[in-house]
Amino acid sequence: MKVAGFLRDFGMFWWDFIVGDSLTLAIGVLVSVGLAFALVHTAPSGVVEVVLPLVVAATLAASLIRR
């Protein structure tokens, strides 16, 4: 019983730490990091420097629109 409570509390801590108040920003960060990783390994040089700021700006705009 104590192990299950510890795991639940541990999971809730990380959920609150990562997501906090904005699920939109948490998902945007995950998408940005995943997209950057994929582009670095597949796209021509310089694509990440153009695409990543656009994704970050779109994430921030989506976060502000929801408020």
PDB file of N, CA and C in Angstrom:
ATOM      1  N   MET A   1       0.821  -1.199   0.000  1.00  0.00           N
ATOM      2  CA  MET A   1       0.000   0.000   0.000  1.00  0.00           C
ATOM      3  C   MET A   1       0.865   1.262   0.000  1.00  0.00           C
ATOM      4  N   LYS A   2       1.961   1.260   0.745  1.00  0.00           N
ATOM      5  CA  LYS A   2       2.821   2.438   0.786  1.00  0.00           C
ATOM      6  C   LYS A   2       3.524   2.661  -0.549  1.00  0.00           C
ATOM      7  N   VAL A   3       3.872   1.582  -1.240  1.00  0.00           N
ATOM      8  CA  VAL A   3       4.546   1.727  -2.534  1.00  0.00           C
ATOM      9  C   VAL A   3       3.602   2.355  -3.545  1.00  0.00           C
ATOM     10  N   ALA A   4       2.346   1.928  -3.554  1.00  0.00           N
ATOM     11  CA  ALA A   4       1.377   2.491  -4.490  1.00  0.00           C
ATOM     12  C   ALA A   4       1.139   3.972  -4.204  1.00  0.00           C
ATOM     13  N   GLY A   5       1.072   4.344  -2.949  1.00  0.00           N
ATOM     14  CA  GLY A   5       0.894   5.755  -2.594  1.00  0.00           C
ATOM     15  C   GLY A   5       2.105   6.587  -2.989  1.00  0.00           C
ATOM     16  N   PHE A   6       3.286   6.018  -2.785  1.00  0.00           N
ATOM     17  CA  PHE A   6       4.506   6.717  -3.180  1.00  0.00           C
ATOM     18  C   PHE A   6       4.536   6.929  -4.689  1.00  0.00           C
ATOM     19  N   LEU A   7       4.201   5.891  -5.454  1.00  0.00           N
ATOM     20  CA  LEU A   7       4.216   6.005  -6.916  1.00  0.00           C
ATOM     21  C   LEU A   7       3.189   7.022  -7.397  1.00  0.00           C
ATOM     22  N   ARG A   8       2.015   7.043  -6.771  1.00  0.00           N
ATOM     23  CA  ARG A   8       0.983   8.009  -7.146  1.00  0.00           C
ATOM     24  C   ARG A   8       1.463   9.429  -6.843  1.00  0.00           C
ATOM     25  N   ASP A   9       2.018   9.637  -5.654  1.00  0.00           N
ATOM     26  CA  ASP A   9       2.511  10.957  -5.280  1.00  0.00           C
ATOM     27  C   ASP A   9       3.677  11.401  -6.170  1.00  0.00           C
ATOM     28  N   PHE A  10       4.549  10.455  -6.502  1.00  0.00           N
ATOM     29  CA  PHE A  10       5.677  10.755  -7.374  1.00  0.00           C
ATOM     30  C   PHE A  10       5.182  11.166  -8.760  1.00  0.00           C
ATOM     31  N   GLY A  11       4.214  10.433  -9.280  1.00  0.00           N
ATOM     32  CA  GLY A  11       3.641  10.770 -10.581  1.00  0.00           C
ATOM     33  C   GLY A  11       2.922  12.109 -10.561  1.00  0.00           C
ATOM     34  N   MET A  12       2.202  12.397  -9.502  1.00  0.00           N
ATOM     35  CA  MET A  12       1.499  13.680  -9.395  1.00  0.00           C
ATOM     36  C   MET A  12       2.482  14.852  -9.287  1.00  0.00           C
ATOM     37  N   PHE A  13       3.610  14.619  -8.582  1.00  0.00           N
ATOM     38  CA  PHE A  13       4.628  15.662  -8.506  1.00  0.00           C
ATOM     39  C   PHE A  13       5.145  16.010  -9.901  1.00  0.00           C
ATOM     40  N   TRP A  14       5.501  14.985 -10.687  1.00  0.00           N
ATOM     41  CA  TRP A  14       6.055  15.246 -12.013  1.00  0.00           C
ATOM     42  C   TRP A  14       5.009  15.845 -12.941  1.00  0.00           C
ATOM     43  N   TRP A  15       3.753  15.422 -12.815  1.00  0.00           N
ATOM     44  CA  TRP A  15       2.685  16.013 -13.623  1.00  0.00           C
ATOM     45  C   TRP A  15       2.573  17.496 -13.304  1.00  0.00           C
ATOM     46  N   ASP A  16       2.547  17.845 -12.023  1.00  0.00           N
ATOM     47  CA  ASP A  16       2.427  19.238 -11.626  1.00  0.00           C
ATOM     48  C   ASP A  16       3.672  20.031 -12.014  1.00  0.00           C
ATOM     49  N   PHE A  17       4.836  19.411 -11.927  1.00  0.00           N
ATOM     50  CA  PHE A  17       6.084  20.089 -12.261  1.00  0.00           C
ATOM     51  C   PHE A  17       6.184  20.367 -13.758  1.00  0.00           C
ATOM     52  N   ILE A  18       5.830  19.394 -14.575  1.00  0.00           N
ATOM     53  CA  ILE A  18       5.972  19.540 -16.028  1.00  0.00           C
ATOM     54  C   ILE A  18       4.801  20.313 -16.623  1.00  0.00           C
ATOM     55  N   VAL A  19       3.586  19.937 -16.287  1.00  0.00           N
ATOM     56  CA  VAL A  19       2.410  20.565 -16.887  1.00  0.00           C
ATOM     57  C   VAL A  19       2.095  21.882 -16.194  1.00  0.00           C
ATOM     58  N   GLY A  20       2.112  21.890 -14.874  1.00  0.00           N
ATOM     59  CA  GLY A  20       1.808  23.116 -14.139  1.00  0.00           C
ATOM     60  C   GLY A  20       0.424  23.618 -14.468  1.00  0.00           C
ATOM     61  N   ASP A  21       0.334  24.840 -14.948  1.00  0.00           N
ATOM     62  CA  ASP A  21      -0.956  25.441 -15.259  1.00  0.00           C
ATOM     63  C   ASP A  21      -1.353  25.306 -16.724  1.00  0.00           C
ATOM     64  N   SER A  22      -0.417  24.936 -17.590  1.00  0.00           N
ATOM     65  CA  SER A  22      -0.703  24.968 -19.019  1.00  0.00           C
ATOM     66  C   SER A  22      -0.318  23.658 -19.703  1.00  0.00           C
ATOM     67  N   LEU A  23      -1.312  22.874 -20.002  1.00  0.00           N
ATOM     68  CA  LEU A  23      -1.090  21.644 -20.755  1.00  0.00           C
ATOM     69  C   LEU A  23      -0.661  21.973 -22.184  1.00  0.00           C
ATOM     70  N   THR A  24      -1.134  23.082 -22.714  1.00  0.00           N
ATOM     71  CA  THR A  24      -0.765  23.504 -24.066  1.00  0.00           C
ATOM     72  C   THR A  24       0.746  23.726 -24.184  1.00  0.00           C
ATOM     73  N   LEU A  25       1.327  24.393 -23.210  1.00  0.00           N
ATOM     74  CA  LEU A  25       2.773  24.629 -23.267  1.00  0.00           C
ATOM     75  C   LEU A  25       3.558  23.339 -23.077  1.00  0.00           C
ATOM     76  N   ALA A  26       3.083  22.457 -22.212  1.00  0.00           N
ATOM     77  CA  ALA A  26       3.780  21.187 -22.002  1.00  0.00           C
ATOM     78  C   ALA A  26       3.779  20.353 -23.282  1.00  0.00           C
ATOM     79  N   ILE A  27       2.662  20.288 -23.948  1.00  0.00           N
ATOM     80  CA  ILE A  27       2.579  19.544 -25.212  1.00  0.00           C
ATOM     81  C   ILE A  27       3.422  20.231 -26.284  1.00  0.00           C
ATOM     82  N   GLY A  28       3.396  21.552 -26.311  1.00  0.00           N
ATOM     83  CA  GLY A  28       4.202  22.298 -27.278  1.00  0.00           C
ATOM     84  C   GLY A  28       5.689  22.058 -27.107  1.00  0.00           C
ATOM     85  N   VAL A  29       6.139  21.975 -25.877  1.00  0.00           N
ATOM     86  CA  VAL A  29       7.560  21.694 -25.625  1.00  0.00           C
ATOM     87  C   VAL A  29       7.913  20.297 -26.115  1.00  0.00           C
ATOM     88  N   LEU A  30       7.064  19.322 -25.811  1.00  0.00           N
ATOM     89  CA  LEU A  30       7.325  17.952 -26.267  1.00  0.00           C
ATOM     90  C   LEU A  30       7.351  17.869 -27.790  1.00  0.00           C
ATOM     91  N   VAL A  31       6.423  18.541 -28.436  1.00  0.00           N
ATOM     92  CA  VAL A  31       6.381  18.539 -29.903  1.00  0.00           C
ATOM     93  C   VAL A  31       7.617  19.243 -30.471  1.00  0.00           C
ATOM     94  N   SER A  32       8.003  20.356 -29.879  1.00  0.00           N
ATOM     95  CA  SER A  32       9.175  21.097 -30.353  1.00  0.00           C
ATOM     96  C   SER A  32      10.451  20.276 -30.240  1.00  0.00           C
ATOM     97  N   VAL A  33      10.638  19.637 -29.099  1.00  0.00           N
ATOM     98  CA  VAL A  33      11.836  18.829 -28.908  1.00  0.00           C
ATOM     99  C   VAL A  33      11.837  17.631 -29.850  1.00  0.00           C
ATOM    100  N   GLY A  34      10.699  16.960 -29.980  1.00  0.00           N
ATOM    101  CA  GLY A  34      10.616  15.816 -30.887  1.00  0.00           C
ATOM    102  C   GLY A  34      10.831  16.204 -32.336  1.00  0.00           C
ATOM    103  N   LEU A  35      10.245  17.316 -32.734  1.00  0.00           N
ATOM    104  CA  LEU A  35      10.415  17.793 -34.106  1.00  0.00           C
ATOM    105  C   LEU A  35      11.858  18.195 -34.378  1.00  0.00           C
ATOM    106  N   ALA A  36      12.472  18.880 -33.419  1.00  0.00           N
ATOM    107  CA  ALA A  36      13.876  19.267 -33.592  1.00  0.00           C
ATOM    108  C   ALA A  36      14.764  18.030 -33.714  1.00  0.00           C
ATOM    109  N   PHE A  37      14.528  17.041 -32.881  1.00  0.00           N
ATOM    110  CA  PHE A  37      15.309  15.801 -32.954  1.00  0.00           C
ATOM    111  C   PHE A  37      15.142  15.130 -34.309  1.00  0.00           C
ATOM    112  N   ALA A  38      13.896  15.050 -34.791  1.00  0.00           N
ATOM    113  CA  ALA A  38      13.645  14.410 -36.076  1.00  0.00           C
ATOM    114  C   ALA A  38      14.270  15.197 -37.225  1.00  0.00           C
ATOM    115  N   LEU A  39      14.181  16.511 -37.177  1.00  0.00           N
ATOM    116  CA  LEU A  39      14.723  17.329 -38.259  1.00  0.00           C
ATOM    117  C   LEU A  39      16.250  17.310 -38.289  1.00  0.00           C
ATOM    118  N   VAL A  40      16.872  17.265 -37.132  1.00  0.00           N
ATOM    119  CA  VAL A  40      18.337  17.229 -37.091  1.00  0.00           C
ATOM    120  C   VAL A  40      18.863  15.979 -37.775  1.00  0.00           C
ATOM    121  N   HIS A  41      18.122  14.880 -37.619  1.00  0.00           N
ATOM    122  CA  HIS A  41      18.604  13.614 -38.171  1.00  0.00           C
ATOM    123  C   HIS A  41      18.118  13.334 -39.593  1.00  0.00           C
ATOM    124  N   THR A  42      17.144  14.104 -40.099  1.00  0.00           N
ATOM    125  CA  THR A  42      16.610  13.789 -41.421  1.00  0.00           C
ATOM    126  C   THR A  42      16.667  14.951 -42.411  1.00  0.00           C
ATOM    127  N   ALA A  43      16.505  16.168 -41.960  1.00  0.00           N
ATOM    128  CA  ALA A  43      16.379  17.311 -42.869  1.00  0.00           C
ATOM    129  C   ALA A  43      17.756  17.890 -43.228  1.00  0.00           C
ATOM    130  N   PRO A  44      17.786  18.640 -44.314  1.00  0.00           N
ATOM    131  CA  PRO A  44      19.046  19.310 -44.677  1.00  0.00           C
ATOM    132  C   PRO A  44      19.456  20.328 -43.613  1.00  0.00           C
ATOM    133  N   SER A  45      20.701  20.703 -43.657  1.00  0.00           N
ATOM    134  CA  SER A  45      21.243  21.653 -42.693  1.00  0.00           C
ATOM    135  C   SER A  45      20.506  22.991 -42.774  1.00  0.00           C
ATOM    136  N   GLY A  46      20.207  23.562 -41.629  1.00  0.00           N
ATOM    137  CA  GLY A  46      19.564  24.869 -41.580  1.00  0.00           C
ATOM    138  C   GLY A  46      18.062  24.838 -41.438  1.00  0.00           C
ATOM    139  N   VAL A  47      17.442  23.703 -41.613  1.00  0.00           N
ATOM    140  CA  VAL A  47      15.984  23.628 -41.528  1.00  0.00           C
ATOM    141  C   VAL A  47      15.515  23.816 -40.092  1.00  0.00           C
ATOM    142  N   VAL A  48      16.251  23.244 -39.157  1.00  0.00           N
ATOM    143  CA  VAL A  48      15.856  23.340 -37.750  1.00  0.00           C
ATOM    144  C   VAL A  48      15.856  24.795 -37.285  1.00  0.00           C
ATOM    145  N   GLU A  49      16.821  25.571 -37.733  1.00  0.00           N
ATOM    146  CA  GLU A  49      16.914  26.966 -37.322  1.00  0.00           C
ATOM    147  C   GLU A  49      15.743  27.800 -37.821  1.00  0.00           C
ATOM    148  N   VAL A  50      15.066  27.347 -38.848  1.00  0.00           N
ATOM    149  CA  VAL A  50      13.907  28.058 -39.371  1.00  0.00           C
ATOM    150  C   VAL A  50      12.616  27.524 -38.758  1.00  0.00           C
ATOM    151  N   VAL A  51      12.497  26.211 -38.671  1.00  0.00           N
ATOM    152  CA  VAL A  51      11.243  25.595 -38.240  1.00  0.00           C
ATOM    153  C   VAL A  51      11.035  25.721 -36.740  1.00  0.00           C
ATOM    154  N   LEU A  52      12.066  25.508 -35.946  1.00  0.00           N
ATOM    155  CA  LEU A  52      11.906  25.486 -34.500  1.00  0.00           C
ATOM    156  C   LEU A  52      11.389  26.808 -33.924  1.00  0.00           C
ATOM    157  N   PRO A  53      11.907  27.972 -34.324  1.00  0.00           N
ATOM    158  CA  PRO A  53      11.327  29.217 -33.802  1.00  0.00           C
ATOM    159  C   PRO A  53       9.859  29.400 -34.200  1.00  0.00           C
ATOM    160  N   LEU A  54       9.486  28.926 -35.377  1.00  0.00           N
ATOM    161  CA  LEU A  54       8.084  29.017 -35.787  1.00  0.00           C
ATOM    162  C   LEU A  54       7.189  28.142 -34.914  1.00  0.00           C
ATOM    163  N   VAL A  55       7.663  26.953 -34.590  1.00  0.00           N
ATOM    164  CA  VAL A  55       6.890  26.066 -33.719  1.00  0.00           C
ATOM    165  C   VAL A  55       6.759  26.651 -32.321  1.00  0.00           C
ATOM    166  N   VAL A  56       7.833  27.222 -31.816  1.00  0.00           N
ATOM    167  CA  VAL A  56       7.792  27.845 -30.483  1.00  0.00           C
ATOM    168  C   VAL A  56       6.836  29.040 -30.485  1.00  0.00           C
ATOM    169  N   ALA A  57       6.887  29.858 -31.505  1.00  0.00           N
ATOM    170  CA  ALA A  57       5.977  31.006 -31.599  1.00  0.00           C
ATOM    171  C   ALA A  57       4.521  30.553 -31.697  1.00  0.00           C
ATOM    172  N   ALA A  58       4.270  29.496 -32.463  1.00  0.00           N
ATOM    173  CA  ALA A  58       2.908  28.972 -32.572  1.00  0.00           C
ATOM    174  C   ALA A  58       2.426  28.407 -31.240  1.00  0.00           C
ATOM    175  N   THR A  59       3.309  27.765 -30.504  1.00  0.00           N
ATOM    176  CA  THR A  59       2.942  27.233 -29.192  1.00  0.00           C
ATOM    177  C   THR A  59       2.591  28.360 -28.234  1.00  0.00           C
ATOM    178  N   LEU A  60       3.406  29.396 -28.216  1.00  0.00           N
ATOM    179  CA  LEU A  60       3.114  30.530 -27.344  1.00  0.00           C
ATOM    180  C   LEU A  60       1.817  31.229 -27.739  1.00  0.00           C
ATOM    181  N   ALA A  61       1.575  31.379 -29.039  1.00  0.00           N
ATOM    182  CA  ALA A  61       0.334  31.994 -29.499  1.00  0.00           C
ATOM    183  C   ALA A  61      -0.869  31.149 -29.102  1.00  0.00           C
ATOM    184  N   ALA A  62      -0.760  29.834 -29.247  1.00  0.00           N
ATOM    185  CA  ALA A  62      -1.868  28.951 -28.860  1.00  0.00           C
ATOM    186  C   ALA A  62      -2.125  29.030 -27.362  1.00  0.00           C
ATOM    187  N   SER A  63      -1.076  29.170 -26.589  1.00  0.00           N
ATOM    188  CA  SER A  63      -1.232  29.287 -25.147  1.00  0.00           C
ATOM    189  C   SER A  63      -1.927  30.593 -24.773  1.00  0.00           C
ATOM    190  N   LEU A  64      -1.591  31.672 -25.453  1.00  0.00           N
ATOM    191  CA  LEU A  64      -2.212  32.963 -25.143  1.00  0.00           C
ATOM    192  C   LEU A  64      -3.644  33.033 -25.621  1.00  0.00           C
ATOM    193  N   ILE A  65      -3.951  32.399 -26.735  1.00  0.00           N
ATOM    194  CA  ILE A  65      -5.316  32.413 -27.259  1.00  0.00           C
ATOM    195  C   ILE A  65      -6.267  31.687 -26.321  1.00  0.00           C
ATOM    196  N   ARG A  66      -5.800  30.617 -25.709  1.00  0.00           N
ATOM    197  CA  ARG A  66      -6.652  29.824 -24.815  1.00  0.00           C
ATOM    198  C   ARG A  66      -7.006  30.584 -23.547  1.00  0.00           C
ATOM    199  N   ARG A  67      -6.239  31.592 -23.167  1.00  0.00           N
ATOM    200  CA  ARG A  67      -6.506  32.334 -21.927  1.00  0.00           C
ATOM    201  C   ARG A  67      -7.575  33.322 -22.224  1.00  0.00           C
TER     202      ARG A  67
END
